[in-house]
Amino acid sequence: MEGVLAIICIFVVLPGLVFHYVTKWKTAPTLTQGDEAMLEELYKLARRLDDRMDTVERLVAADNEEFSKPRLIADQEADNVKLAELERMMKERNAQ
């Protein structure tokens, strides 16, 4: 009796459990096309705002000698590497 129960568990219950979780994984919520478009638009907006802040900081530094340090460190290498990776991924996705 125990052997039959073990065989049933191996050949019926275990595959059923695997198929159940595979189905759950495939139906998990993902980003919609609208969400991806909105994220891309927000990313582009953030890049434009960052460029504008750099320009404003340069203008203020040129006009005011007391302005010594910008509020944010512009063109930090650690940030640029992450942003370059994001831009590369976006180009790959748009090429598809």
PDB file of N, CA and C in Angstrom:
ATOM      1  N   MET A   1       0.823  -1.197   0.000  1.00  0.00           N
ATOM      2  CA  MET A   1       0.000   0.000   0.000  1.00  0.00           C
ATOM      3  C   MET A   1       0.867   1.262   0.000  1.00  0.00           C
ATOM      4  N   GLU A   2       1.933   1.242   0.774  1.00  0.00           N
ATOM      5  CA  GLU A   2       2.809   2.411   0.843  1.00  0.00           C
ATOM      6  C   GLU A   2       3.519   2.639  -0.488  1.00  0.00           C
ATOM      7  N   GLY A   3       3.883   1.546  -1.163  1.00  0.00           N
ATOM      8  CA  GLY A   3       4.534   1.667  -2.468  1.00  0.00           C
ATOM      9  C   GLY A   3       3.612   2.277  -3.507  1.00  0.00           C
ATOM     10  N   VAL A   4       2.335   1.875  -3.483  1.00  0.00           N
ATOM     11  CA  VAL A   4       1.354   2.417  -4.426  1.00  0.00           C
ATOM     12  C   VAL A   4       1.146   3.907  -4.160  1.00  0.00           C
ATOM     13  N   LEU A   5       1.071   4.277  -2.891  1.00  0.00           N
ATOM     14  CA  LEU A   5       0.905   5.684  -2.519  1.00  0.00           C
ATOM     15  C   LEU A   5       2.110   6.508  -2.978  1.00  0.00           C
ATOM     16  N   ALA A   6       3.305   5.958  -2.829  1.00  0.00           N
ATOM     17  CA  ALA A   6       4.515   6.659  -3.271  1.00  0.00           C
ATOM     18  C   ALA A   6       4.520   6.837  -4.787  1.00  0.00           C
ATOM     19  N   ILE A   7       4.122   5.813  -5.519  1.00  0.00           N
ATOM     20  CA  ILE A   7       4.084   5.901  -6.982  1.00  0.00           C
ATOM     21  C   ILE A   7       3.048   6.926  -7.432  1.00  0.00           C
ATOM     22  N   ILE A   8       1.886   6.941  -6.779  1.00  0.00           N
ATOM     23  CA  ILE A   8       0.849   7.930  -7.107  1.00  0.00           C
ATOM     24  C   ILE A   8       1.363   9.342  -6.843  1.00  0.00           C
ATOM     25  N   CYS A   9       2.048   9.515  -5.726  1.00  0.00           N
ATOM     26  CA  CYS A   9       2.601  10.840  -5.404  1.00  0.00           C
ATOM     27  C   CYS A   9       3.626  11.272  -6.448  1.00  0.00           C
ATOM     28  N   ILE A  10       4.478  10.361  -6.863  1.00  0.00           N
ATOM     29  CA  ILE A  10       5.535  10.706  -7.822  1.00  0.00           C
ATOM     30  C   ILE A  10       4.964  11.008  -9.198  1.00  0.00           C
ATOM     31  N   PHE A  11       4.018  10.200  -9.676  1.00  0.00           N
ATOM     32  CA  PHE A  11       3.545  10.335 -11.048  1.00  0.00           C
ATOM     33  C   PHE A  11       2.283  11.179 -11.216  1.00  0.00           C
ATOM     34  N   VAL A  12       1.566  11.486 -10.146  1.00  0.00           N
ATOM     35  CA  VAL A  12       0.340  12.272 -10.273  1.00  0.00           C
ATOM     36  C   VAL A  12       0.443  13.596  -9.515  1.00  0.00           C
ATOM     37  N   VAL A  13       0.747  13.515  -8.237  1.00  0.00           N
ATOM     38  CA  VAL A  13       0.731  14.713  -7.397  1.00  0.00           C
ATOM     39  C   VAL A  13       1.883  15.658  -7.746  1.00  0.00           C
ATOM     40  N   LEU A  14       3.085  15.132  -7.870  1.00  0.00           N
ATOM     41  CA  LEU A  14       4.248  15.973  -8.137  1.00  0.00           C
ATOM     42  C   LEU A  14       4.145  16.709  -9.480  1.00  0.00           C
ATOM     43  N   PRO A  15       3.814  16.032 -10.595  1.00  0.00           N
ATOM     44  CA  PRO A  15       3.638  16.787 -11.852  1.00  0.00           C
ATOM     45  C   PRO A  15       2.487  17.792 -11.782  1.00  0.00           C
ATOM     46  N   GLY A  16       1.419  17.434 -11.087  1.00  0.00           N
ATOM     47  CA  GLY A  16       0.307  18.371 -10.932  1.00  0.00           C
ATOM     48  C   GLY A  16       0.736  19.620 -10.190  1.00  0.00           C
ATOM     49  N   LEU A  17       1.539  19.448  -9.170  1.00  0.00           N
ATOM     50  CA  LEU A  17       2.054  20.578  -8.398  1.00  0.00           C
ATOM     51  C   LEU A  17       2.971  21.448  -9.262  1.00  0.00           C
ATOM     52  N   VAL A  18       3.828  20.809 -10.028  1.00  0.00           N
ATOM     53  CA  VAL A  18       4.733  21.548 -10.918  1.00  0.00           C
ATOM     54  C   VAL A  18       3.931  22.330 -11.950  1.00  0.00           C
ATOM     55  N   PHE A  19       2.965  21.696 -12.607  1.00  0.00           N
ATOM     56  CA  PHE A  19       2.153  22.381 -13.611  1.00  0.00           C
ATOM     57  C   PHE A  19       1.345  23.528 -13.003  1.00  0.00           C
ATOM     58  N   HIS A  20       0.880  23.344 -11.781  1.00  0.00           N
ATOM     59  CA  HIS A  20       0.133  24.401 -11.102  1.00  0.00           C
ATOM     60  C   HIS A  20       0.995  25.649 -10.952  1.00  0.00           C
ATOM     61  N   TYR A  21       2.217  25.487 -10.444  1.00  0.00           N
ATOM     62  CA  TYR A  21       3.072  26.650 -10.220  1.00  0.00           C
ATOM     63  C   TYR A  21       3.629  27.225 -11.515  1.00  0.00           C
ATOM     64  N   VAL A  22       3.820  26.411 -12.532  1.00  0.00           N
ATOM     65  CA  VAL A  22       4.232  26.939 -13.838  1.00  0.00           C
ATOM     66  C   VAL A  22       3.122  27.818 -14.402  1.00  0.00           C
ATOM     67  N   THR A  23       1.884  27.387 -14.271  1.00  0.00           N
ATOM     68  CA  THR A  23       0.751  28.176 -14.739  1.00  0.00           C
ATOM     69  C   THR A  23       0.645  29.481 -13.957  1.00  0.00           C
ATOM     70  N   LYS A  24       0.818  29.419 -12.654  1.00  0.00           N
ATOM     71  CA  LYS A  24       0.781  30.631 -11.824  1.00  0.00           C
ATOM     72  C   LYS A  24       1.879  31.598 -12.243  1.00  0.00           C
ATOM     73  N   TRP A  25       3.062  31.058 -12.537  1.00  0.00           N
ATOM     74  CA  TRP A  25       4.198  31.892 -12.928  1.00  0.00           C
ATOM     75  C   TRP A  25       3.923  32.582 -14.265  1.00  0.00           C
ATOM     76  N   LYS A  26       3.321  31.868 -15.197  1.00  0.00           N
ATOM     77  CA  LYS A  26       3.057  32.448 -16.513  1.00  0.00           C
ATOM     78  C   LYS A  26       1.946  33.484 -16.484  1.00  0.00           C
ATOM     79  N   THR A  27       1.016  33.366 -15.560  1.00  0.00           N
ATOM     80  CA  THR A  27      -0.086  34.322 -15.485  1.00  0.00           C
ATOM     81  C   THR A  27       0.185  35.438 -14.491  1.00  0.00           C
ATOM     82  N   ALA A  28       1.396  35.501 -13.951  1.00  0.00           N
ATOM     83  CA  ALA A  28       1.741  36.556 -12.997  1.00  0.00           C
ATOM     84  C   ALA A  28       1.660  37.913 -13.699  1.00  0.00           C
ATOM     85  N   PRO A  29       1.239  38.934 -12.963  1.00  0.00           N
ATOM     86  CA  PRO A  29       1.111  40.251 -13.590  1.00  0.00           C
ATOM     87  C   PRO A  29       2.472  40.789 -14.031  1.00  0.00           C
ATOM     88  N   THR A  30       2.494  41.345 -15.220  1.00  0.00           N
ATOM     89  CA  THR A  30       3.708  41.950 -15.753  1.00  0.00           C
ATOM     90  C   THR A  30       3.385  43.373 -16.182  1.00  0.00           C
ATOM     91  N   LEU A  31       4.400  44.087 -16.612  1.00  0.00           N
ATOM     92  CA  LEU A  31       4.177  45.441 -17.097  1.00  0.00           C
ATOM     93  C   LEU A  31       3.447  45.393 -18.434  1.00  0.00           C
ATOM     94  N   THR A  32       2.444  46.215 -18.550  1.00  0.00           N
ATOM     95  CA  THR A  32       1.729  46.307 -19.818  1.00  0.00           C
ATOM     96  C   THR A  32       2.505  47.221 -20.766  1.00  0.00           C
ATOM     97  N   GLN A  33       2.092  47.247 -22.013  1.00  0.00           N
ATOM     98  CA  GLN A  33       2.744  48.130 -22.989  1.00  0.00           C
ATOM     99  C   GLN A  33       2.595  49.593 -22.567  1.00  0.00           C
ATOM    100  N   GLY A  34       1.433  49.922 -22.016  1.00  0.00           N
ATOM    101  CA  GLY A  34       1.214  51.290 -21.543  1.00  0.00           C
ATOM    102  C   GLY A  34       2.138  51.649 -20.397  1.00  0.00           C
ATOM    103  N   ASP A  35       2.335  50.697 -19.475  1.00  0.00           N
ATOM    104  CA  ASP A  35       3.245  50.930 -18.353  1.00  0.00           C
ATOM    105  C   ASP A  35       4.674  51.131 -18.842  1.00  0.00           C
ATOM    106  N   GLU A  36       5.093  50.307 -19.800  1.00  0.00           N
ATOM    107  CA  GLU A  36       6.449  50.437 -20.331  1.00  0.00           C
ATOM    108  C   GLU A  36       6.629  51.768 -21.049  1.00  0.00           C
ATOM    109  N   ALA A  37       5.623  52.189 -21.789  1.00  0.00           N
ATOM    110  CA  ALA A  37       5.703  53.476 -22.489  1.00  0.00           C
ATOM    111  C   ALA A  37       5.778  54.621 -21.489  1.00  0.00           C
ATOM    112  N   MET A  38       4.984  54.531 -20.407  1.00  0.00           N
ATOM    113  CA  MET A  38       5.007  55.570 -19.391  1.00  0.00           C
ATOM    114  C   MET A  38       6.367  55.615 -18.695  1.00  0.00           C
ATOM    115  N   LEU A  39       6.950  54.459 -18.384  1.00  0.00           N
ATOM    116  CA  LEU A  39       8.265  54.430 -17.754  1.00  0.00           C
ATOM    117  C   LEU A  39       9.332  55.019 -18.674  1.00  0.00           C
ATOM    118  N   GLU A  40       9.248  54.710 -19.952  1.00  0.00           N
ATOM    119  CA  GLU A  40      10.217  55.259 -20.902  1.00  0.00           C
ATOM    120  C   GLU A  40      10.078  56.777 -20.996  1.00  0.00           C
ATOM    121  N   GLU A  41       8.842  57.260 -21.019  1.00  0.00           N
ATOM    122  CA  GLU A  41       8.611  58.699 -21.070  1.00  0.00           C
ATOM    123  C   GLU A  41       9.129  59.381 -19.807  1.00  0.00           C
ATOM    124  N   LEU A  42       8.892  58.774 -18.647  1.00  0.00           N
ATOM    125  CA  LEU A  42       9.394  59.332 -17.393  1.00  0.00           C
ATOM    126  C   LEU A  42      10.917  59.345 -17.356  1.00  0.00           C
ATOM    127  N   TYR A  43      11.531  58.312 -17.903  1.00  0.00           N
ATOM    128  CA  TYR A  43      12.989  58.256 -17.946  1.00  0.00           C
ATOM    129  C   TYR A  43      13.540  59.390 -18.810  1.00  0.00           C
ATOM    130  N   LYS A  44      12.928  59.597 -19.981  1.00  0.00           N
ATOM    131  CA  LYS A  44      13.381  60.676 -20.862  1.00  0.00           C
ATOM    132  C   LYS A  44      13.190  62.035 -20.198  1.00  0.00           C
ATOM    133  N   LEU A  45      12.070  62.204 -19.498  1.00  0.00           N
ATOM    134  CA  LEU A  45      11.817  63.449 -18.788  1.00  0.00           C
ATOM    135  C   LEU A  45      12.864  63.677 -17.702  1.00  0.00           C
ATOM    136  N   ALA A  46      13.208  62.633 -16.968  1.00  0.00           N
ATOM    137  CA  ALA A  46      14.223  62.751 -15.918  1.00  0.00           C
ATOM    138  C   ALA A  46      15.575  63.133 -16.509  1.00  0.00           C
ATOM    139  N   ARG A  47      15.918  62.557 -17.660  1.00  0.00           N
ATOM    140  CA  ARG A  47      17.189  62.913 -18.314  1.00  0.00           C
ATOM    141  C   ARG A  47      17.182  64.391 -18.732  1.00  0.00           C
ATOM    142  N   ARG A  48      16.069  64.871 -19.289  1.00  0.00           N
ATOM    143  CA  ARG A  48      15.993  66.279 -19.697  1.00  0.00           C
ATOM    144  C   ARG A  48      16.098  67.201 -18.488  1.00  0.00           C
ATOM    145  N   LEU A  49      15.414  66.837 -17.395  1.00  0.00           N
ATOM    146  CA  LEU A  49      15.479  67.658 -16.185  1.00  0.00           C
ATOM    147  C   LEU A  49      16.890  67.669 -15.598  1.00  0.00           C
ATOM    148  N   ASP A  50      17.577  66.541 -15.665  1.00  0.00           N
ATOM    149  CA  ASP A  50      18.954  66.473 -15.179  1.00  0.00           C
ATOM    150  C   ASP A  50      19.853  67.385 -16.006  1.00  0.00           C
ATOM    151  N   ASP A  51      19.670  67.378 -17.315  1.00  0.00           N
ATOM    152  CA  ASP A  51      20.452  68.267 -18.179  1.00  0.00           C
ATOM    153  C   ASP A  51      20.156  69.733 -17.869  1.00  0.00           C
ATOM    154  N   ARG A  52      18.896  70.046 -17.621  1.00  0.00           N
ATOM    155  CA  ARG A  52      18.529  71.426 -17.282  1.00  0.00           C
ATOM    156  C   ARG A  52      19.149  71.852 -15.958  1.00  0.00           C
ATOM    157  N   MET A  53      19.145  70.955 -14.974  1.00  0.00           N
ATOM    158  CA  MET A  53      19.759  71.279 -13.680  1.00  0.00           C
ATOM    159  C   MET A  53      21.253  71.535 -13.838  1.00  0.00           C
ATOM    160  N   ASP A  54      21.921  70.749 -14.667  1.00  0.00           N
ATOM    161  CA  ASP A  54      23.343  70.982 -14.926  1.00  0.00           C
ATOM    162  C   ASP A  54      23.553  72.369 -15.522  1.00  0.00           C
ATOM    163  N   THR A  55      22.689  72.745 -16.458  1.00  0.00           N
ATOM    164  CA  THR A  55      22.799  74.059 -17.094  1.00  0.00           C
ATOM    165  C   THR A  55      22.569  75.174 -16.085  1.00  0.00           C
ATOM    166  N   VAL A  56      21.544  75.047 -15.260  1.00  0.00           N
ATOM    167  CA  VAL A  56      21.243  76.064 -14.247  1.00  0.00           C
ATOM    168  C   VAL A  56      22.406  76.193 -13.268  1.00  0.00           C
ATOM    169  N   GLU A  57      22.959  75.082 -12.833  1.00  0.00           N
ATOM    170  CA  GLU A  57      24.078  75.133 -11.888  1.00  0.00           C
ATOM    171  C   GLU A  57      25.298  75.801 -12.520  1.00  0.00           C
ATOM    172  N   ARG A  58      25.551  75.531 -13.794  1.00  0.00           N
ATOM    173  CA  ARG A  58      26.677  76.186 -14.469  1.00  0.00           C
ATOM    174  C   ARG A  58      26.445  77.690 -14.584  1.00  0.00           C
ATOM    175  N   LEU A  59      25.213  78.103 -14.915  1.00  0.00           N
ATOM    176  CA  LEU A  59      24.910  79.528 -15.036  1.00  0.00           C
ATOM    177  C   LEU A  59      25.036  80.246 -13.698  1.00  0.00           C
ATOM    178  N   VAL A  60      24.520  79.633 -12.653  1.00  0.00           N
ATOM    179  CA  VAL A  60      24.603  80.245 -11.327  1.00  0.00           C
ATOM    180  C   VAL A  60      26.057  80.322 -10.877  1.00  0.00           C
ATOM    181  N   ALA A  61      26.829  79.299 -11.127  1.00  0.00           N
ATOM    182  CA  ALA A  61      28.244  79.306 -10.747  1.00  0.00           C
ATOM    183  C   ALA A  61      29.006  80.382 -11.516  1.00  0.00           C
ATOM    184  N   ALA A  62      28.619  80.626 -12.762  1.00  0.00           N
ATOM    185  CA  ALA A  62      29.293  81.659 -13.550  1.00  0.00           C
ATOM    186  C   ALA A  62      28.921  83.062 -13.075  1.00  0.00           C
ATOM    187  N   ASP A  63      27.682  83.254 -12.618  1.00  0.00           N
ATOM    188  CA  ASP A  63      27.223  84.573 -12.183  1.00  0.00           C
ATOM    189  C   ASP A  63      27.545  84.879 -10.728  1.00  0.00           C
ATOM    190  N   ASN A  64      27.629  83.873  -9.899  1.00  0.00           N
ATOM    191  CA  ASN A  64      27.790  84.077  -8.465  1.00  0.00           C
ATOM    192  C   ASN A  64      29.043  83.354  -7.988  1.00  0.00           C
ATOM    193  N   GLU A  65      30.000  84.119  -7.507  1.00  0.00           N
ATOM    194  CA  GLU A  65      31.254  83.522  -7.051  1.00  0.00           C
ATOM    195  C   GLU A  65      31.082  82.723  -5.762  1.00  0.00           C
ATOM    196  N   GLU A  66      30.043  83.042  -4.985  1.00  0.00           N
ATOM    197  CA  GLU A  66      29.814  82.337  -3.720  1.00  0.00           C
ATOM    198  C   GLU A  66      29.236  80.938  -3.927  1.00  0.00           C
ATOM    199  N   PHE A  67      28.723  80.700  -5.094  1.00  0.00           N
ATOM    200  CA  PHE A  67      28.168  79.380  -5.402  1.00  0.00           C
ATOM    201  C   PHE A  67      29.335  78.443  -5.651  1.00  0.00           C
ATOM    202  N   SER A  68      29.655  77.650  -4.620  1.00  0.00           N
ATOM    203  CA  SER A  68      30.864  76.829  -4.728  1.00  0.00           C
ATOM    204  C   SER A  68      30.567  75.406  -5.173  1.00  0.00           C
ATOM    205  N   LYS A  69      29.584  74.783  -4.552  1.00  0.00           N
ATOM    206  CA  LYS A  69      29.280  73.390  -4.884  1.00  0.00           C
ATOM    207  C   LYS A  69      27.863  73.279  -5.420  1.00  0.00           C
ATOM    208  N   PRO A  70      27.709  72.526  -6.460  1.00  0.00           N
ATOM    209  CA  PRO A  70      26.338  72.285  -6.919  1.00  0.00           C
ATOM    210  C   PRO A  70      25.580  71.422  -5.910  1.00  0.00           C
ATOM    211  N   ARG A  71      24.281  71.546  -5.961  1.00  0.00           N
ATOM    212  CA  ARG A  71      23.433  70.772  -5.046  1.00  0.00           C
ATOM    213  C   ARG A  71      23.654  69.280  -5.226  1.00  0.00           C
ATOM    214  N   LEU A  72      23.772  68.869  -6.459  1.00  0.00           N
ATOM    215  CA  LEU A  72      24.025  67.469  -6.782  1.00  0.00           C
ATOM    216  C   LEU A  72      25.340  67.385  -7.535  1.00  0.00           C
ATOM    217  N   ILE A  73      25.997  66.260  -7.417  1.00  0.00           N
ATOM    218  CA  ILE A  73      27.238  66.073  -8.153  1.00  0.00           C
ATOM    219  C   ILE A  73      26.873  65.647  -9.571  1.00  0.00           C
ATOM    220  N   ALA A  74      27.216  66.472 -10.519  1.00  0.00           N
ATOM    221  CA  ALA A  74      26.875  66.178 -11.909  1.00  0.00           C
ATOM    222  C   ALA A  74      27.873  65.202 -12.506  1.00  0.00           C
ATOM    223  N   ASP A  75      27.381  64.382 -13.387  1.00  0.00           N
ATOM    224  CA  ASP A  75      28.209  63.437 -14.140  1.00  0.00           C
ATOM    225  C   ASP A  75      29.056  62.541 -13.247  1.00  0.00           C
ATOM    226  N   GLN A  76      28.446  61.991 -12.221  1.00  0.00           N
ATOM    227  CA  GLN A  76      29.140  61.006 -11.397  1.00  0.00           C
ATOM    228  C   GLN A  76      29.283  59.723 -12.191  1.00  0.00           C
ATOM    229  N   GLU A  77      30.456  59.127 -12.185  1.00  0.00           N
ATOM    230  CA  GLU A  77      30.715  57.942 -13.004  1.00  0.00           C
ATOM    231  C   GLU A  77      29.797  56.781 -12.611  1.00  0.00           C
ATOM    232  N   ALA A  78      29.537  56.607 -11.322  1.00  0.00           N
ATOM    233  CA  ALA A  78      28.673  55.504 -10.877  1.00  0.00           C
ATOM    234  C   ALA A  78      27.265  55.651 -11.457  1.00  0.00           C
ATOM    235  N   ASP A  79      26.757  56.880 -11.491  1.00  0.00           N
ATOM    236  CA  ASP A  79      25.432  57.116 -12.065  1.00  0.00           C
ATOM    237  C   ASP A  79      25.448  56.945 -13.576  1.00  0.00           C
ATOM    238  N   ASN A  80      26.507  57.420 -14.212  1.00  0.00           N
ATOM    239  CA  ASN A  80      26.583  57.347 -15.672  1.00  0.00           C
ATOM    240  C   ASN A  80      26.624  55.912 -16.166  1.00  0.00           C
ATOM    241  N   VAL A  81      27.277  55.027 -15.433  1.00  0.00           N
ATOM    242  CA  VAL A  81      27.338  53.619 -15.835  1.00  0.00           C
ATOM    243  C   VAL A  81      25.938  53.012 -15.802  1.00  0.00           C
ATOM    244  N   LYS A  82      25.194  53.281 -14.741  1.00  0.00           N
ATOM    245  CA  LYS A  82      23.832  52.755 -14.627  1.00  0.00           C
ATOM    246  C   LYS A  82      22.923  53.332 -15.715  1.00  0.00           C
ATOM    247  N   LEU A  83      23.069  54.628 -15.968  1.00  0.00           N
ATOM    248  CA  LEU A  83      22.238  55.254 -16.995  1.00  0.00           C
ATOM    249  C   LEU A  83      22.588  54.740 -18.383  1.00  0.00           C
ATOM    250  N   ALA A  84      23.861  54.512 -18.639  1.00  0.00           N
ATOM    251  CA  ALA A  84      24.263  53.969 -19.939  1.00  0.00           C
ATOM    252  C   ALA A  84      23.689  52.569 -20.136  1.00  0.00           C
ATOM    253  N   GLU A  85      23.676  51.775 -19.075  1.00  0.00           N
ATOM    254  CA  GLU A  85      23.096  50.429 -19.156  1.00  0.00           C
ATOM    255  C   GLU A  85      21.595  50.509 -19.438  1.00  0.00           C
ATOM    256  N   LEU A  86      20.900  51.429 -18.765  1.00  0.00           N
ATOM    257  CA  LEU A  86      19.466  51.612 -19.017  1.00  0.00           C
ATOM    258  C   LEU A  86      19.212  52.043 -20.460  1.00  0.00           C
ATOM    259  N   GLU A  87      20.014  52.961 -20.957  1.00  0.00           N
ATOM    260  CA  GLU A  87      19.828  53.418 -22.330  1.00  0.00           C
ATOM    261  C   GLU A  87      20.091  52.296 -23.326  1.00  0.00           C
ATOM    262  N   ARG A  88      21.095  51.460 -23.060  1.00  0.00           N
ATOM    263  CA  ARG A  88      21.395  50.332 -23.938  1.00  0.00           C
ATOM    264  C   ARG A  88      20.222  49.355 -23.961  1.00  0.00           C
ATOM    265  N   MET A  89      19.653  49.070 -22.777  1.00  0.00           N
ATOM    266  CA  MET A  89      18.521  48.152 -22.696  1.00  0.00           C
ATOM    267  C   MET A  89      17.306  48.715 -23.434  1.00  0.00           C
ATOM    268  N   MET A  90      17.077  50.029 -23.319  1.00  0.00           N
ATOM    269  CA  MET A  90      15.942  50.639 -24.002  1.00  0.00           C
ATOM    270  C   MET A  90      16.125  50.576 -25.516  1.00  0.00           C
ATOM    271  N   LYS A  91      17.349  50.794 -25.993  1.00  0.00           N
ATOM    272  CA  LYS A  91      17.602  50.711 -27.435  1.00  0.00           C
ATOM    273  C   LYS A  91      17.385  49.296 -27.944  1.00  0.00           C
ATOM    274  N   GLU A  92      17.828  48.301 -27.180  1.00  0.00           N
ATOM    275  CA  GLU A  92      17.623  46.903 -27.576  1.00  0.00           C
ATOM    276  C   GLU A  92      16.139  46.571 -27.641  1.00  0.00           C
ATOM    277  N   ARG A  93      15.385  47.032 -26.653  1.00  0.00           N
ATOM    278  CA  ARG A  93      13.951  46.750 -26.608  1.00  0.00           C
ATOM    279  C   ARG A  93      13.231  47.439 -27.763  1.00  0.00           C
ATOM    280  N   ASN A  94      13.632  48.672 -28.077  1.00  0.00           N
ATOM    281  CA  ASN A  94      12.988  49.396 -29.177  1.00  0.00           C
ATOM    282  C   ASN A  94      13.363  48.818 -30.530  1.00  0.00           C
ATOM    283  N   ALA A  95      14.527  48.178 -30.625  1.00  0.00           N
ATOM    284  CA  ALA A  95      14.958  47.582 -31.889  1.00  0.00           C
ATOM    285  C   ALA A  95      14.158  46.319 -32.215  1.00  0.00           C
ATOM    286  N   GLN A  96      13.588  45.702 -31.216  1.00  0.00           N
ATOM    287  CA  GLN A  96      12.844  44.448 -31.433  1.00  0.00           C
ATOM    288  C   GLN A  96      11.529  44.676 -32.059  1.00  0.00           C
TER     289      GLN A  96
END
